[in-house]
Amino acid sequence: MTKEPSILVVLNKTYKENMSTQELYEITRKHWPFAQNGERHKKAKYVFGIFHCVIKSAYRIIDWERTTIQDKKRKNRWAFTGIPAQEMGHLIGKEIPENLRSRGRSFIYWEC
């Protein structure tokens, strides 16, 4: 992995083989449940999309924004705006280390 502050988001429910690059970006960037007043996610420089412990996408974060979802049970959701992290391209297709496995969580902070 990288030494840079990052967030690994789990795409197990939304990822499909042969997705377009735009579809992959949209499922990686949106609706993550970070604390309402928390700032920890804003320390991250990268977001990695993970499907069954394999890195499928890597983006350099430009900014964060709050998002809204029709389902009222889902409050305090965030989305990032980013660009493909070409400098992290060597990690695409690699398995994440055992200590970073989600164990049922939707995201994992790394070095944040």
N, C-alpha and C. Protein backbone atom coordinates (compact mmCIF):
# COMPACT_ATOMS: atom_id res chain seq x y z
N MET A 1 0.85 -1.19 0.00
CA MET A 1 0.00 0.00 0.00
C MET A 1 0.88 1.24 0.00
N THR A 2 0.25 2.36 0.17
CA THR A 2 0.94 3.64 0.17
C THR A 2 1.12 4.17 1.58
N LYS A 3 2.04 5.05 1.77
CA LYS A 3 2.24 5.72 3.07
C LYS A 3 1.39 6.98 3.16
N GLU A 4 0.75 7.36 2.07
CA GLU A 4 -0.09 8.56 2.04
C GLU A 4 -1.42 8.31 2.74
N PRO A 5 -1.98 9.33 3.40
CA PRO A 5 -3.30 9.16 4.02
C PRO A 5 -4.34 8.80 2.96
N SER A 6 -5.06 7.73 3.21
CA SER A 6 -5.99 7.20 2.21
C SER A 6 -7.23 6.63 2.88
N ILE A 7 -8.26 6.46 2.07
CA ILE A 7 -9.47 5.77 2.50
C ILE A 7 -9.73 4.65 1.50
N LEU A 8 -9.99 3.47 2.02
CA LEU A 8 -10.36 2.33 1.19
C LEU A 8 -11.87 2.16 1.31
N VAL A 9 -12.57 2.24 0.20
CA VAL A 9 -14.02 2.09 0.22
C VAL A 9 -14.38 0.74 -0.40
N VAL A 10 -15.30 0.05 0.24
CA VAL A 10 -15.68 -1.30 -0.18
C VAL A 10 -16.81 -1.21 -1.20
N LEU A 11 -16.57 -1.78 -2.37
CA LEU A 11 -17.52 -1.72 -3.49
C LEU A 11 -18.23 -3.05 -3.72
N ASN A 12 -18.21 -3.94 -2.75
CA ASN A 12 -18.73 -5.30 -2.97
C ASN A 12 -20.18 -5.35 -3.42
N LYS A 13 -21.00 -4.39 -3.02
CA LYS A 13 -22.42 -4.40 -3.40
C LYS A 13 -22.70 -3.70 -4.72
N THR A 14 -21.76 -2.91 -5.21
CA THR A 14 -22.04 -2.08 -6.39
C THR A 14 -21.13 -2.35 -7.59
N TYR A 15 -19.99 -2.95 -7.38
CA TYR A 15 -19.03 -3.17 -8.47
C TYR A 15 -19.51 -4.27 -9.42
N LYS A 16 -19.34 -4.04 -10.70
CA LYS A 16 -19.64 -5.03 -11.74
C LYS A 16 -18.46 -5.07 -12.72
N GLU A 17 -18.12 -6.25 -13.18
CA GLU A 17 -17.08 -6.36 -14.21
C GLU A 17 -17.51 -5.57 -15.45
N ASN A 18 -16.58 -5.06 -16.17
CA ASN A 18 -16.81 -4.31 -17.41
C ASN A 18 -17.55 -2.99 -17.21
N MET A 19 -17.46 -2.40 -16.02
CA MET A 19 -18.04 -1.06 -15.80
C MET A 19 -17.22 -0.05 -16.59
N SER A 20 -17.86 1.02 -16.99
CA SER A 20 -17.12 2.10 -17.64
C SER A 20 -16.28 2.81 -16.58
N THR A 21 -15.30 3.58 -17.00
CA THR A 21 -14.48 4.33 -16.05
C THR A 21 -15.33 5.35 -15.30
N GLN A 22 -16.33 5.93 -15.94
CA GLN A 22 -17.21 6.89 -15.28
C GLN A 22 -18.08 6.20 -14.23
N GLU A 23 -18.62 5.02 -14.55
CA GLU A 23 -19.42 4.28 -13.58
C GLU A 23 -18.59 3.89 -12.36
N LEU A 24 -17.37 3.45 -12.60
CA LEU A 24 -16.48 3.08 -11.49
C LEU A 24 -16.16 4.28 -10.62
N TYR A 25 -15.91 5.42 -11.23
CA TYR A 25 -15.67 6.65 -10.48
C TYR A 25 -16.88 7.00 -9.61
N GLU A 26 -18.07 6.94 -10.18
CA GLU A 26 -19.28 7.33 -9.44
C GLU A 26 -19.54 6.41 -8.24
N ILE A 27 -19.35 5.11 -8.39
CA ILE A 27 -19.60 4.23 -7.24
C ILE A 27 -18.50 4.34 -6.20
N THR A 28 -17.32 4.75 -6.61
CA THR A 28 -16.21 4.91 -5.66
C THR A 28 -16.35 6.20 -4.88
N ARG A 29 -16.87 7.25 -5.48
CA ARG A 29 -16.82 8.58 -4.87
C ARG A 29 -17.99 8.95 -3.97
N LYS A 30 -19.13 8.28 -4.09
CA LYS A 30 -20.36 8.80 -3.48
C LYS A 30 -20.87 8.07 -2.24
N HIS A 31 -21.50 8.89 -1.38
CA HIS A 31 -22.38 8.47 -0.30
C HIS A 31 -21.69 7.68 0.81
N TRP A 32 -20.54 8.14 1.25
CA TRP A 32 -19.82 7.45 2.33
C TRP A 32 -20.18 8.06 3.67
N PRO A 33 -20.46 7.21 4.67
CA PRO A 33 -21.00 7.66 5.96
C PRO A 33 -19.94 8.13 6.96
N PHE A 34 -19.40 9.30 6.73
CA PHE A 34 -18.44 9.87 7.67
C PHE A 34 -19.18 10.70 8.71
N ALA A 35 -18.59 10.89 9.86
CA ALA A 35 -19.22 11.63 10.94
C ALA A 35 -19.61 13.04 10.49
N GLN A 36 -20.73 13.50 10.99
CA GLN A 36 -21.28 14.80 10.58
C GLN A 36 -20.28 15.93 10.78
N ASN A 37 -19.67 15.99 11.94
CA ASN A 37 -18.73 17.07 12.22
C ASN A 37 -17.28 16.61 12.16
N GLY A 38 -17.08 15.38 11.76
CA GLY A 38 -15.72 14.84 11.69
C GLY A 38 -14.95 15.40 10.52
N GLU A 39 -13.67 15.48 10.69
CA GLU A 39 -12.80 16.00 9.64
C GLU A 39 -11.79 14.94 9.18
N ARG A 40 -11.83 13.77 9.78
CA ARG A 40 -10.80 12.77 9.49
C ARG A 40 -10.72 12.43 8.01
N HIS A 41 -11.87 12.27 7.35
CA HIS A 41 -11.85 11.92 5.94
C HIS A 41 -11.18 13.00 5.08
N LYS A 42 -11.19 14.23 5.56
CA LYS A 42 -10.60 15.33 4.79
C LYS A 42 -9.07 15.32 4.83
N LYS A 43 -8.49 14.49 5.68
CA LYS A 43 -7.03 14.35 5.74
C LYS A 43 -6.51 13.43 4.63
N ALA A 44 -7.40 12.62 4.08
CA ALA A 44 -6.98 11.64 3.07
C ALA A 44 -6.59 12.34 1.77
N LYS A 45 -5.57 11.80 1.11
CA LYS A 45 -5.14 12.30 -0.21
C LYS A 45 -5.67 11.41 -1.33
N TYR A 46 -5.96 10.13 -0.99
CA TYR A 46 -6.39 9.16 -1.99
C TYR A 46 -7.60 8.37 -1.49
N VAL A 47 -8.41 7.91 -2.45
CA VAL A 47 -9.46 6.93 -2.19
C VAL A 47 -9.22 5.75 -3.12
N PHE A 48 -9.27 4.56 -2.55
CA PHE A 48 -9.14 3.32 -3.31
C PHE A 48 -10.46 2.56 -3.24
N GLY A 49 -10.96 2.13 -4.39
CA GLY A 49 -12.16 1.29 -4.45
C GLY A 49 -11.75 -0.16 -4.38
N ILE A 50 -12.33 -0.90 -3.43
CA ILE A 50 -11.95 -2.29 -3.17
C ILE A 50 -13.13 -3.21 -3.45
N PHE A 51 -12.88 -4.27 -4.22
CA PHE A 51 -13.90 -5.29 -4.49
C PHE A 51 -13.32 -6.63 -4.08
N HIS A 52 -13.93 -7.25 -3.08
CA HIS A 52 -13.46 -8.53 -2.54
C HIS A 52 -11.94 -8.53 -2.34
N CYS A 53 -11.48 -7.50 -1.62
CA CYS A 53 -10.08 -7.35 -1.19
C CYS A 53 -9.10 -7.02 -2.32
N VAL A 54 -9.60 -6.70 -3.51
CA VAL A 54 -8.74 -6.34 -4.64
C VAL A 54 -9.00 -4.88 -5.01
N ILE A 55 -7.92 -4.13 -5.21
CA ILE A 55 -8.04 -2.72 -5.57
C ILE A 55 -8.50 -2.61 -7.03
N LYS A 56 -9.63 -1.93 -7.22
CA LYS A 56 -10.20 -1.75 -8.55
C LYS A 56 -10.08 -0.32 -9.06
N SER A 57 -9.91 0.66 -8.15
CA SER A 57 -9.81 2.06 -8.56
C SER A 57 -8.97 2.83 -7.57
N ALA A 58 -8.36 3.91 -8.06
CA ALA A 58 -7.55 4.79 -7.22
C ALA A 58 -7.73 6.22 -7.71
N TYR A 59 -8.08 7.12 -6.80
CA TYR A 59 -8.32 8.52 -7.16
C TYR A 59 -7.60 9.44 -6.20
N ARG A 60 -7.07 10.52 -6.73
CA ARG A 60 -6.51 11.58 -5.91
C ARG A 60 -7.64 12.54 -5.60
N ILE A 61 -7.85 12.82 -4.32
CA ILE A 61 -8.96 13.65 -3.88
C ILE A 61 -8.66 15.13 -4.14
N ILE A 62 -9.64 15.82 -4.71
CA ILE A 62 -9.55 17.27 -4.89
C ILE A 62 -10.36 17.98 -3.81
N ASP A 63 -11.57 17.47 -3.54
CA ASP A 63 -12.44 18.12 -2.56
C ASP A 63 -13.49 17.13 -2.07
N TRP A 64 -14.15 17.49 -0.95
CA TRP A 64 -15.26 16.72 -0.39
C TRP A 64 -16.51 17.58 -0.36
N GLU A 65 -17.67 16.93 -0.48
CA GLU A 65 -18.95 17.63 -0.37
C GLU A 65 -19.96 16.70 0.29
N ARG A 66 -20.93 17.30 0.96
CA ARG A 66 -22.03 16.50 1.53
C ARG A 66 -22.94 16.06 0.39
N THR A 67 -23.53 14.89 0.55
CA THR A 67 -24.48 14.39 -0.44
C THR A 67 -25.80 14.09 0.25
N THR A 68 -26.82 13.98 -0.55
CA THR A 68 -28.13 13.61 -0.01
C THR A 68 -28.59 12.34 -0.70
N ILE A 69 -29.29 11.54 0.08
CA ILE A 69 -29.86 10.28 -0.43
C ILE A 69 -31.33 10.30 -0.05
N GLN A 70 -32.17 9.77 -0.88
CA GLN A 70 -33.60 9.75 -0.63
C GLN A 70 -33.94 9.02 0.67
N ASP A 71 -33.21 7.96 0.97
CA ASP A 71 -33.45 7.16 2.17
C ASP A 71 -33.04 7.97 3.40
N LYS A 72 -33.99 8.34 4.25
CA LYS A 72 -33.71 9.21 5.40
C LYS A 72 -32.86 8.54 6.46
N LYS A 73 -32.71 7.24 6.40
CA LYS A 73 -31.86 6.55 7.36
C LYS A 73 -30.38 6.83 7.09
N ARG A 74 -30.08 7.30 5.92
CA ARG A 74 -28.70 7.53 5.52
C ARG A 74 -28.36 9.01 5.60
N LYS A 75 -27.95 9.45 6.77
CA LYS A 75 -27.57 10.85 6.95
C LYS A 75 -26.05 10.95 7.02
N ASN A 76 -25.57 12.18 6.94
CA ASN A 76 -24.14 12.45 7.06
C ASN A 76 -23.32 11.70 6.01
N ARG A 77 -23.74 11.79 4.78
CA ARG A 77 -23.02 11.14 3.69
C ARG A 77 -22.16 12.16 2.96
N TRP A 78 -21.03 11.66 2.45
CA TRP A 78 -20.07 12.52 1.77
C TRP A 78 -19.69 11.91 0.43
N ALA A 79 -19.24 12.79 -0.48
CA ALA A 79 -18.71 12.37 -1.78
C ALA A 79 -17.47 13.20 -2.05
N PHE A 80 -16.51 12.62 -2.74
CA PHE A 80 -15.33 13.38 -3.12
C PHE A 80 -15.37 13.69 -4.61
N THR A 81 -14.66 14.72 -4.97
CA THR A 81 -14.36 15.01 -6.35
C THR A 81 -12.89 14.67 -6.51
N GLY A 82 -12.55 13.95 -7.56
CA GLY A 82 -11.16 13.54 -7.70
C GLY A 82 -10.79 13.26 -9.14
N ILE A 83 -9.53 12.89 -9.30
CA ILE A 83 -9.02 12.50 -10.62
C ILE A 83 -8.32 11.16 -10.47
N PRO A 84 -8.25 10.38 -11.55
CA PRO A 84 -7.54 9.10 -11.45
C PRO A 84 -6.11 9.32 -10.94
N ALA A 85 -5.72 8.51 -9.98
CA ALA A 85 -4.38 8.62 -9.39
C ALA A 85 -3.43 7.73 -10.18
N GLN A 86 -2.93 8.26 -11.28
CA GLN A 86 -2.05 7.47 -12.13
C GLN A 86 -0.80 7.02 -11.39
N GLU A 87 -0.37 7.82 -10.41
CA GLU A 87 0.81 7.46 -9.63
C GLU A 87 0.56 6.24 -8.73
N MET A 88 -0.70 5.86 -8.58
CA MET A 88 -1.07 4.67 -7.80
C MET A 88 -1.54 3.53 -8.70
N GLY A 89 -1.41 3.70 -10.00
CA GLY A 89 -1.88 2.70 -10.95
C GLY A 89 -1.26 1.33 -10.76
N HIS A 90 -0.04 1.28 -10.22
CA HIS A 90 0.62 -0.01 -10.00
C HIS A 90 -0.09 -0.85 -8.93
N LEU A 91 -1.01 -0.23 -8.17
CA LEU A 91 -1.74 -0.97 -7.14
C LEU A 91 -3.04 -1.58 -7.65
N ILE A 92 -3.53 -1.13 -8.81
CA ILE A 92 -4.77 -1.68 -9.36
C ILE A 92 -4.58 -3.18 -9.63
N GLY A 93 -5.55 -3.97 -9.15
CA GLY A 93 -5.49 -5.42 -9.32
C GLY A 93 -4.77 -6.15 -8.20
N LYS A 94 -4.17 -5.40 -7.28
CA LYS A 94 -3.46 -6.01 -6.15
C LYS A 94 -4.41 -6.26 -4.99
N GLU A 95 -4.14 -7.30 -4.22
CA GLU A 95 -4.91 -7.55 -3.01
C GLU A 95 -4.43 -6.63 -1.91
N ILE A 96 -5.36 -6.20 -1.07
CA ILE A 96 -4.97 -5.37 0.06
C ILE A 96 -4.45 -6.27 1.18
N PRO A 97 -3.57 -5.76 2.01
CA PRO A 97 -3.03 -6.57 3.11
C PRO A 97 -4.12 -7.02 4.08
N GLU A 98 -3.87 -8.12 4.72
CA GLU A 98 -4.82 -8.71 5.67
C GLU A 98 -5.27 -7.71 6.73
N ASN A 99 -4.36 -6.88 7.23
CA ASN A 99 -4.72 -5.94 8.29
C ASN A 99 -5.64 -4.81 7.81
N LEU A 100 -5.84 -4.70 6.52
CA LEU A 100 -6.73 -3.66 5.98
C LEU A 100 -8.07 -4.21 5.50
N ARG A 101 -8.32 -5.47 5.70
CA ARG A 101 -9.59 -6.06 5.26
C ARG A 101 -10.73 -5.44 6.04
N SER A 102 -11.88 -5.26 5.40
CA SER A 102 -12.97 -4.45 5.97
C SER A 102 -13.71 -5.09 7.13
N ARG A 103 -13.81 -6.40 7.18
CA ARG A 103 -14.54 -7.06 8.25
C ARG A 103 -15.95 -6.50 8.43
N GLY A 104 -16.62 -6.26 7.31
CA GLY A 104 -18.01 -5.81 7.34
C GLY A 104 -18.20 -4.30 7.30
N ARG A 105 -17.13 -3.53 7.37
CA ARG A 105 -17.25 -2.07 7.31
C ARG A 105 -17.31 -1.62 5.85
N SER A 106 -17.88 -0.44 5.63
CA SER A 106 -17.99 0.08 4.26
C SER A 106 -16.75 0.87 3.83
N PHE A 107 -15.93 1.29 4.79
CA PHE A 107 -14.70 1.99 4.45
C PHE A 107 -13.67 1.80 5.56
N ILE A 108 -12.41 2.06 5.24
CA ILE A 108 -11.30 1.91 6.18
C ILE A 108 -10.37 3.10 6.00
N TYR A 109 -10.00 3.73 7.09
CA TYR A 109 -9.00 4.78 7.03
C TYR A 109 -7.60 4.15 7.03
N TRP A 110 -6.70 4.72 6.25
CA TRP A 110 -5.32 4.25 6.21
C TRP A 110 -4.41 5.47 6.36
N GLU A 111 -3.67 5.51 7.44
CA GLU A 111 -2.72 6.59 7.71
C GLU A 111 -3.39 7.96 7.87
N CYS A 112 -4.66 8.00 8.21
CA CYS A 112 -5.36 9.28 8.42
C CYS A 112 -5.37 9.65 9.89
